[in-house]
C-alpha atoms as a PDB file:
ATOM      1  CA  UNK A   1      -1.176 -12.485   8.822  1.00  0.00           C
ATOM      2  CA  UNK A   2      -4.254 -14.581   8.291  1.00  0.00           C
ATOM      3  CA  UNK A   3      -7.125 -12.728   6.686  1.00  0.00           C
ATOM      4  CA  UNK A   4      -9.525 -15.494   7.680  1.00  0.00           C
ATOM      5  CA  UNK A   5      -9.591 -14.108  11.230  1.00  0.00           C
ATOM      6  CA  UNK A   6     -10.506 -10.677   9.932  1.00  0.00           C
ATOM      7  CA  UNK A   7     -13.486 -11.555   7.727  1.00  0.00           C
ATOM      8  CA  UNK A   8     -16.802  -9.963   8.634  1.00  0.00           C
ATOM      9  CA  UNK A   9     -20.143  -9.749   6.840  1.00  0.00           C
ATOM     10  CA  UNK A  10     -21.410  -6.355   5.779  1.00  0.00           C
ATOM     11  CA  UNK A  11     -24.189  -6.615   8.369  1.00  0.00           C
ATOM     12  CA  UNK A  12     -21.511  -6.694  11.103  1.00  0.00           C
ATOM     13  CA  UNK A  13     -19.947  -3.549   9.657  1.00  0.00           C
ATOM     14  CA  UNK A  14     -23.320  -1.793   9.552  1.00  0.00           C
ATOM     15  CA  UNK A  15     -24.138  -2.701  13.149  1.00  0.00           C
ATOM     16  CA  UNK A  16     -20.654  -2.064  14.583  1.00  0.00           C
ATOM     17  CA  UNK A  17     -19.066   0.641  12.427  1.00  0.00           C
ATOM     18  CA  UNK A  18     -17.532   2.605  15.315  1.00  0.00           C
ATOM     19  CA  UNK A  19     -16.116  -0.557  16.888  1.00  0.00           C
ATOM     20  CA  UNK A  20     -14.717  -1.711  13.544  1.00  0.00           C
ATOM     21  CA  UNK A  21     -12.939   1.611  13.033  1.00  0.00           C
ATOM     22  CA  UNK A  22     -11.479   1.450  16.526  1.00  0.00           C
ATOM     23  CA  UNK A  23     -10.296  -2.112  15.922  1.00  0.00           C
ATOM     24  CA  UNK A  24      -8.729  -1.183  12.587  1.00  0.00           C
ATOM     25  CA  UNK A  25      -6.786   1.664  14.179  1.00  0.00           C
ATOM     26  CA  UNK A  26      -5.639  -0.369  17.160  1.00  0.00           C
ATOM     27  CA  UNK A  27      -4.707  -3.617  15.412  1.00  0.00           C
ATOM     28  CA  UNK A  28      -3.604  -2.114  12.084  1.00  0.00           C
ATOM     29  CA  UNK A  29      -4.764  -5.233  10.266  1.00  0.00           C
ATOM     30  CA  UNK A  30      -7.078  -5.086   7.264  1.00  0.00           C
ATOM     31  CA  UNK A  31     -10.595  -6.450   7.499  1.00  0.00           C
ATOM     32  CA  UNK A  32     -12.304  -8.273   4.641  1.00  0.00           C
ATOM     33  CA  UNK A  33     -15.989  -7.410   4.258  1.00  0.00           C
ATOM     34  CA  UNK A  34     -18.254  -9.977   2.663  1.00  0.00           C
ATOM     35  CA  UNK A  35     -21.627  -9.617   0.976  1.00  0.00           C
ATOM     36  CA  UNK A  36     -23.728 -12.699   0.280  1.00  0.00           C
ATOM     37  CA  UNK A  37     -20.782 -14.828   1.345  1.00  0.00           C
ATOM     38  CA  UNK A  38     -18.328 -13.317  -1.134  1.00  0.00           C
ATOM     39  CA  UNK A  39     -15.419 -11.010  -0.324  1.00  0.00           C
ATOM     40  CA  UNK A  40     -16.351  -7.559  -1.646  1.00  0.00           C
ATOM     41  CA  UNK A  41     -14.067  -5.040   0.091  1.00  0.00           C
ATOM     42  CA  UNK A  42     -11.050  -4.625   2.309  1.00  0.00           C
ATOM     43  CA  UNK A  43     -10.975  -1.987   5.026  1.00  0.00           C
ATOM     44  CA  UNK A  44      -7.771  -0.709   6.566  1.00  0.00           C
ATOM     45  CA  UNK A  45      -6.711   2.158   8.794  1.00  0.00           C
ATOM     46  CA  UNK A  46      -5.430   5.348   7.194  1.00  0.00           C
ATOM     47  CA  UNK A  47      -1.845   4.999   8.451  1.00  0.00           C
ATOM     48  CA  UNK A  48      -1.533   1.533   6.917  1.00  0.00           C
ATOM     49  CA  UNK A  49      -3.073   2.785   3.676  1.00  0.00           C
ATOM     50  CA  UNK A  50      -0.580   5.656   3.492  1.00  0.00           C
ATOM     51  CA  UNK A  51       2.322   3.272   4.153  1.00  0.00           C
ATOM     52  CA  UNK A  52       1.064   0.991   1.394  1.00  0.00           C
ATOM     53  CA  UNK A  53       0.843   3.887  -1.053  1.00  0.00           C
ATOM     54  CA  UNK A  54       4.382   5.044  -0.191  1.00  0.00           C
ATOM     55  CA  UNK A  55       5.695   1.507  -0.642  1.00  0.00           C
ATOM     56  CA  UNK A  56       3.965   1.210  -4.020  1.00  0.00           C
ATOM     57  CA  UNK A  57       5.448   4.551  -5.109  1.00  0.00           C
ATOM     58  CA  UNK A  58       8.956   3.383  -4.172  1.00  0.00           C
ATOM     59  CA  UNK A  59       8.449   0.092  -5.990  1.00  0.00           C
ATOM     60  CA  UNK A  60       7.262   1.986  -9.066  1.00  0.00           C
ATOM     61  CA  UNK A  61      10.403   4.160  -8.991  1.00  0.00           C
ATOM     62  CA  UNK A  62      12.555   1.031  -8.744  1.00  0.00           C
ATOM     63  CA  UNK A  63      10.730  -0.546 -11.672  1.00  0.00           C
ATOM     64  CA  UNK A  64      11.165   2.609 -13.770  1.00  0.00           C
ATOM     65  CA  UNK A  65      14.861   2.679 -12.862  1.00  0.00           C
ATOM     66  CA  UNK A  66      15.243  -0.950 -13.924  1.00  0.00           C
ATOM     67  CA  UNK A  67      13.524  -0.151 -17.225  1.00  0.00           C
ATOM     68  CA  UNK A  68      15.981   2.715 -17.804  1.00  0.00           C
ATOM     69  CA  UNK A  69      18.925   0.394 -17.086  1.00  0.00           C
ATOM     70  CA  UNK A  70      17.592  -2.257 -19.466  1.00  0.00           C
ATOM     71  CA  UNK A  71      17.054   0.387 -22.160  1.00  0.00           C
ATOM     72  CA  UNK A  72      20.578   1.742 -21.691  1.00  0.00           C
ATOM     73  CA  UNK A  73      19.437   5.109 -20.405  1.00  0.00           C
ATOM     74  CA  UNK A  74      22.240   5.497 -17.867  1.00  0.00           C
ATOM     75  CA  UNK A  75      25.133   7.887 -17.255  1.00  0.00           C
ATOM     76  CA  UNK A  76      28.358   7.460 -15.352  1.00  0.00           C
ATOM     77  CA  UNK A  77      28.206   8.719 -11.766  1.00  0.00           C
ATOM     78  CA  UNK A  78      31.136  11.099 -12.317  1.00  0.00           C
ATOM     79  CA  UNK A  79      29.248  12.838 -15.145  1.00  0.00           C
ATOM     80  CA  UNK A  80      26.125  13.255 -13.040  1.00  0.00           C
ATOM     81  CA  UNK A  81      28.095  14.550 -10.035  1.00  0.00           C
ATOM     82  CA  UNK A  82      29.962  17.069 -12.200  1.00  0.00           C
ATOM     83  CA  UNK A  83      26.695  18.288 -13.734  1.00  0.00           C
ATOM     84  CA  UNK A  84      25.144  18.774 -10.304  1.00  0.00           C
ATOM     85  CA  UNK A  85      28.183  20.676  -9.008  1.00  0.00           C
ATOM     86  CA  UNK A  86      28.120  23.027 -11.976  1.00  0.00           C
ATOM     87  CA  UNK A  87      24.561  24.160 -11.224  1.00  0.00           C
END
């Protein structure tokens, strides 16, 4: 995806807010908002935002799991399965 096609000045957002929201929901591509020629914000639809947050949460869990493995904080699967069955 090329963000250069989705760059709009803040004045465009102010004048076309409803249209921008519709476009964000339909295209599901983020829009970069500029102010004085500099990128200042990124707008995205709620569904894409939620997907991003879920993906980040999964990546964080993977990273924490890798840290546990590197630190030796692991248990054999048989031990874990037996513990779960006993509960």
